[in-house]
C-alpha atoms as a PDB file:
ATOM      1  CA  MET A   1     -46.810 -34.525  18.342  1.00  0.00           C
ATOM      2  CA  LYS A   2     -45.709 -32.981  21.645  1.00  0.00           C
ATOM      3  CA  THR A   3     -43.489 -35.949  22.525  1.00  0.00           C
ATOM      4  CA  ILE A   4     -41.727 -35.905  19.031  1.00  0.00           C
ATOM      5  CA  LEU A   5     -41.180 -32.173  19.236  1.00  0.00           C
ATOM      6  CA  THR A   6     -39.530 -32.770  22.847  1.00  0.00           C
ATOM      7  CA  LEU A   7     -37.462 -35.292  21.819  1.00  0.00           C
ATOM      8  CA  ALA A   8     -36.168 -33.171  18.481  1.00  0.00           C
ATOM      9  CA  LEU A   9     -35.515 -30.253  20.800  1.00  0.00           C
ATOM     10  CA  SER A  10     -33.569 -32.537  23.295  1.00  0.00           C
ATOM     11  CA  PHE A  11     -31.652 -34.274  20.394  1.00  0.00           C
ATOM     12  CA  ALA A  12     -30.643 -30.881  19.166  1.00  0.00           C
ATOM     13  CA  LEU A  13     -29.454 -29.437  22.568  1.00  0.00           C
ATOM     14  CA  CYS A  14     -27.402 -32.709  23.061  1.00  0.00           C
ATOM     15  CA  ILE A  15     -25.735 -32.182  19.982  1.00  0.00           C
ATOM     16  CA  PHE A  16     -25.093 -28.385  20.566  1.00  0.00           C
ATOM     17  CA  MET A  17     -23.692 -29.125  23.992  1.00  0.00           C
ATOM     18  CA  SER A  18     -21.357 -31.911  22.669  1.00  0.00           C
ATOM     19  CA  SER A  19     -19.776 -29.596  20.181  1.00  0.00           C
ATOM     20  CA  TYR A  20     -19.477 -26.753  22.564  1.00  0.00           C
ATOM     21  CA  SER A  21     -17.543 -29.032  25.010  1.00  0.00           C
ATOM     22  CA  PHE A  22     -15.510 -30.601  22.492  1.00  0.00           C
ATOM     23  CA  SER A  23     -14.567 -27.248  21.263  1.00  0.00           C
ATOM     24  CA  SER A  24     -13.682 -25.724  24.481  1.00  0.00           C
ATOM     25  CA  SER A  25     -11.610 -28.795  25.503  1.00  0.00           C
ATOM     26  CA  MET A  26      -9.197 -28.238  22.616  1.00  0.00           C
ATOM     27  CA  GLY A  27      -7.927 -25.279  24.216  1.00  0.00           C
ATOM     28  CA  VAL A  28      -8.895 -23.061  20.805  1.00  0.00           C
ATOM     29  CA  SER A  29      -9.301 -19.474  21.969  1.00  0.00           C
ATOM     30  CA  GLY A  30      -9.627 -16.296  20.269  1.00  0.00           C
ATOM     31  CA  PRO A  31      -9.015 -12.517  21.256  1.00  0.00           C
ATOM     32  CA  ASP A  32     -10.260 -11.197  24.355  1.00  0.00           C
ATOM     33  CA  VAL A  33     -13.176  -8.396  24.252  1.00  0.00           C
ATOM     34  CA  GLY A  34     -11.310  -5.144  23.057  1.00  0.00           C
ATOM     35  CA  GLU A  35      -8.286  -6.902  21.709  1.00  0.00           C
ATOM     36  CA  ASP A  36      -7.483  -6.653  17.957  1.00  0.00           C
ATOM     37  CA  ALA A  37      -7.862  -9.961  15.734  1.00  0.00           C
ATOM     38  CA  PRO A  38      -4.626 -11.174  14.743  1.00  0.00           C
ATOM     39  CA  ASP A  39      -3.685  -9.828  11.215  1.00  0.00           C
ATOM     40  CA  PHE A  40      -3.962 -12.204   8.278  1.00  0.00           C
ATOM     41  CA  VAL A  41      -4.260 -12.291   4.253  1.00  0.00           C
ATOM     42  CA  LEU A  42      -6.957 -13.562   2.092  1.00  0.00           C
ATOM     43  CA  LYS A  43      -6.926 -14.152  -1.535  1.00  0.00           C
ATOM     44  CA  GLY A  44     -10.058 -12.899  -3.367  1.00  0.00           C
ATOM     45  CA  ILE A  45     -11.656 -14.636  -6.309  1.00  0.00           C
ATOM     46  CA  ASP A  46      -9.818 -12.624  -8.865  1.00  0.00           C
ATOM     47  CA  GLY A  47      -6.351 -13.461  -6.962  1.00  0.00           C
ATOM     48  CA  LYS A  48      -6.224 -10.248  -5.215  1.00  0.00           C
ATOM     49  CA  GLU A  49      -5.073 -10.391  -1.738  1.00  0.00           C
ATOM     50  CA  PHE A  50      -6.578  -8.624   1.120  1.00  0.00           C
ATOM     51  CA  LYS A  51      -4.723  -7.694   4.455  1.00  0.00           C
ATOM     52  CA  LEU A  52      -6.942  -7.332   7.503  1.00  0.00           C
ATOM     53  CA  SER A  53      -4.937  -4.372   8.902  1.00  0.00           C
ATOM     54  CA  SER A  54      -5.391  -2.444   5.868  1.00  0.00           C
ATOM     55  CA  PHE A  55      -9.151  -2.098   6.640  1.00  0.00           C
ATOM     56  CA  LYS A  56      -8.423  -0.949  10.278  1.00  0.00           C
ATOM     57  CA  SER A  57      -8.608   2.839   9.501  1.00  0.00           C
ATOM     58  CA  ILE A  58     -11.401   2.489   6.836  1.00  0.00           C
ATOM     59  CA  LYS A  59     -14.358   0.392   8.153  1.00  0.00           C
ATOM     60  CA  PRO A  60     -15.558  -2.585  10.614  1.00  0.00           C
ATOM     61  CA  VAL A  61     -14.796  -5.898   8.942  1.00  0.00           C
ATOM     62  CA  VAL A  62     -17.265  -8.751   9.512  1.00  0.00           C
ATOM     63  CA  LEU A  63     -16.008 -12.363   8.493  1.00  0.00           C
ATOM     64  CA  ILE A  64     -18.297 -15.185   7.806  1.00  0.00           C
ATOM     65  CA  PHE A  65     -17.061 -18.677   7.541  1.00  0.00           C
ATOM     66  CA  GLY A  66     -19.631 -21.063   5.942  1.00  0.00           C
ATOM     67  CA  SER A  67     -19.842 -24.452   4.781  1.00  0.00           C
ATOM     68  CA  CYS A  68     -21.158 -25.621   1.081  1.00  0.00           C
ATOM     69  CA  THR A  69     -21.788 -29.206   2.095  1.00  0.00           C
END
């Protein structure tokens, strides 16, 4: 049982490391610490548009991008 757990954890670590190195080699980077995020517009379920900069003086914004697959 201990061997199976070790193999499963090793496999998960390998997948994590391969995806990390792939994304870092693509040259994709976000804003630096303390730098503002780039402004963008998202459309809500009701069709209303929300602009990130409109929330700047109101409250902090947390974006969560998930997958339903």
